[in-house]
Protein backbone atom coordinates (compact mmCIF):
# COMPACT_ATOMS: atom_id res chain seq x y z
CA UNK A 1 167.34 68.99 68.24
CA UNK A 2 164.23 71.23 68.61
CA UNK A 3 163.38 73.35 65.50
CA UNK A 4 162.43 76.93 66.21
CA UNK A 5 159.90 78.29 63.82
CA UNK A 6 160.02 82.04 63.07
CA UNK A 7 156.79 83.89 63.46
CA UNK A 8 154.50 84.01 60.36
CA UNK A 9 154.36 87.87 60.81
CA UNK A 10 155.63 90.29 63.40
CA UNK A 11 153.16 90.86 66.26
CA UNK A 12 152.89 93.41 69.00
CA UNK A 13 153.06 92.10 72.49
CA UNK A 14 151.19 94.71 74.44
CA UNK A 15 147.72 93.20 73.92
CA UNK A 16 148.67 89.46 73.88
CA UNK A 17 152.10 89.12 75.47
CA UNK A 18 151.99 85.23 75.61
CA UNK A 19 150.54 82.91 73.05
CA UNK A 20 151.35 79.19 72.51
CA UNK A 21 150.19 75.93 71.22
CA UNK A 22 150.73 73.52 74.12
CA UNK A 23 148.84 70.75 75.93
CA UNK A 24 146.36 70.36 73.19
CA UNK A 25 145.25 73.91 73.42
CA UNK A 26 145.79 77.29 71.93
CA UNK A 27 146.37 79.25 75.18
CA UNK A 28 147.86 82.41 76.35
CA UNK A 29 147.65 85.75 78.34
CA UNK A 30 145.72 88.65 77.20
CA UNK A 31 145.98 92.22 78.75
CA UNK A 32 142.95 93.81 80.14
CA UNK A 33 141.72 96.79 78.24
CA UNK A 34 140.51 98.51 81.42
CA UNK A 35 143.21 97.88 83.99
CA UNK A 36 147.04 97.73 83.63
CA UNK A 37 147.17 95.34 86.55
CA UNK A 38 144.73 92.83 85.16
CA UNK A 39 145.41 90.16 82.63
CA UNK A 40 143.26 87.26 81.28
CA UNK A 41 144.22 83.63 80.90
CA UNK A 42 142.44 82.27 77.84
CA UNK A 43 142.44 79.00 76.04
CA UNK A 44 140.73 77.02 73.29
CA UNK A 45 141.12 73.26 73.21
CA UNK A 46 141.91 71.24 70.12
CA UNK A 47 139.83 68.09 70.71
CA UNK A 48 136.52 69.41 72.11
CA UNK A 49 136.81 73.09 71.09
CA UNK A 50 136.07 73.90 74.80
CA UNK A 51 137.11 77.47 75.79
CA UNK A 52 137.54 79.50 78.87
CA UNK A 53 138.77 82.92 79.85
CA UNK A 54 139.45 84.23 83.55
CA UNK A 55 141.59 86.69 85.23
CA UNK A 56 145.00 85.64 86.47
CA UNK A 57 143.32 85.01 89.94
CA UNK A 58 140.54 82.85 88.47
CA UNK A 59 137.64 85.28 88.21
CA UNK A 60 135.64 84.44 85.11
CA UNK A 61 135.68 86.93 82.30
CA UNK A 62 132.53 89.05 82.17
CA UNK A 63 132.38 88.72 78.33
CA UNK A 64 131.70 84.95 78.31
CA UNK A 65 128.11 84.50 77.25
CA UNK A 66 128.16 81.07 75.47
CA UNK A 67 130.54 82.15 72.85
CA UNK A 68 134.21 83.23 72.90
CA UNK A 69 134.84 86.58 74.46
CA UNK A 70 137.04 89.45 72.99
CA UNK A 71 140.06 88.05 74.87
CA UNK A 72 139.72 84.80 73.09
CA UNK A 73 139.34 86.48 69.75
CA UNK A 74 142.42 88.64 70.45
CA UNK A 75 144.32 85.39 71.38
CA UNK A 76 143.32 83.72 68.15
CA UNK A 77 144.27 86.80 66.10
CA UNK A 78 147.79 86.95 67.62
CA UNK A 79 148.12 83.16 67.26
CA UNK A 80 147.41 83.60 63.58
CA UNK A 81 150.21 86.12 63.39
CA UNK A 82 152.60 84.06 65.34
CA UNK A 83 151.91 80.62 63.72
CA UNK A 84 149.87 81.32 60.58
CA UNK A 85 146.17 80.42 60.06
CA UNK A 86 146.77 76.98 58.60
CA UNK A 87 148.92 75.71 61.40
CA UNK A 88 146.37 77.02 64.01
CA UNK A 89 143.41 75.46 62.13
CA UNK A 90 145.31 72.09 61.87
CA UNK A 91 146.34 72.15 65.49
CA UNK A 92 142.74 72.99 66.74
CA UNK A 93 141.22 70.59 64.15
CA UNK A 94 139.11 73.28 62.57
CA UNK A 95 138.10 72.95 58.86
CA UNK A 96 138.63 76.47 57.43
CA UNK A 97 137.55 75.54 53.91
CA UNK A 98 138.51 78.43 51.74
CA UNK A 99 140.49 80.12 54.51
CA UNK A 100 140.02 82.33 57.46
CA UNK A 101 141.13 86.01 57.69
CA UNK A 102 140.93 86.55 61.55
CA UNK A 103 140.72 84.98 64.83
CA UNK A 104 136.89 85.57 64.88
CA UNK A 105 136.58 84.00 61.42
CA UNK A 106 138.62 81.00 62.64
CA UNK A 107 136.68 80.47 66.00
CA UNK A 108 133.29 80.86 64.37
CA UNK A 109 133.96 77.73 62.31
CA UNK A 110 134.43 75.56 65.40
CA UNK A 111 131.81 73.73 67.37
CA UNK A 112 132.76 75.48 70.50
CA UNK A 113 131.46 75.33 74.15
CA UNK A 114 132.27 76.96 77.38
CA UNK A 115 134.08 74.78 79.92
CA UNK A 116 135.31 76.55 82.95
CA UNK A 117 138.78 75.61 84.40
CA UNK A 118 141.63 77.04 86.25
CA UNK A 119 144.20 79.20 84.41
CA UNK A 120 147.04 78.85 86.92
CA UNK A 121 149.08 76.49 84.70
CA UNK A 122 149.01 78.80 81.65
CA UNK A 123 149.71 81.80 83.84
CA UNK A 124 152.64 80.01 85.47
CA UNK A 125 153.96 79.24 82.05
CA UNK A 126 153.73 82.86 81.14
CA UNK A 127 155.61 83.98 84.30
CA UNK A 128 158.32 81.36 83.61
CA UNK A 129 158.82 82.86 80.09
CA UNK A 130 159.08 86.33 81.71
CA UNK A 131 162.08 85.12 83.79
CA UNK A 132 164.02 84.61 80.57
CA UNK A 133 163.90 88.30 79.95
CA UNK A 134 165.90 88.85 83.07
CA UNK A 135 168.75 86.46 82.10
CA UNK A 136 171.74 88.62 81.39
CA UNK A 137 173.36 88.28 78.01
CA UNK A 138 176.15 85.81 77.78
CA UNK A 139 178.50 84.15 75.22
CA UNK A 140 178.54 81.00 77.34
CA UNK A 141 176.07 78.22 77.83
CA UNK A 142 173.00 79.23 79.97
CA UNK A 143 171.79 76.00 81.51
CA UNK A 144 168.22 76.84 81.35
CA UNK A 145 168.30 77.68 77.72
CA UNK A 146 170.61 74.98 76.46
CA UNK A 147 167.80 73.37 74.44
CA UNK A 148 167.55 76.26 71.98
CA UNK A 149 169.52 75.49 68.84
CA UNK A 150 172.69 77.57 68.20
CA UNK A 151 172.48 80.19 65.46
CA UNK A 152 175.10 80.77 62.82
CA UNK A 153 176.40 83.92 64.36
CA UNK A 154 176.70 82.76 68.00
CA UNK A 155 179.48 80.37 69.25
């Protein structure tokens, strides 16, 4: 059985609608501050601390300049809310010493480097998660969601 971990703290989904720890990366989708139709796909790897940020159609983020852009910092901030700073630091293999208060504080402790790459896989995972919002409510088994553990009030 897969254990579902509740969020460390509640978070707002408007700025960072999707954040996950998967495939050895902290990765997600960050909304654009200037266009409602644009999102950025951002990630930060655990093993090399390589990072990248690009639009959903693979145009590099203009804020990348040898260090993480504001989208990566927003992603890290929301990941801390979702998973807690200690879990993120362990996953990314970052020594936070006496603690980190924000995504910026966490990322500045990493030996990061920019490494371009396609964001299609992360964006596809985000789109797949969005389809679950369209699944009508049901008391029966939903085949695509059967791996979620049952809760006490649902039979």
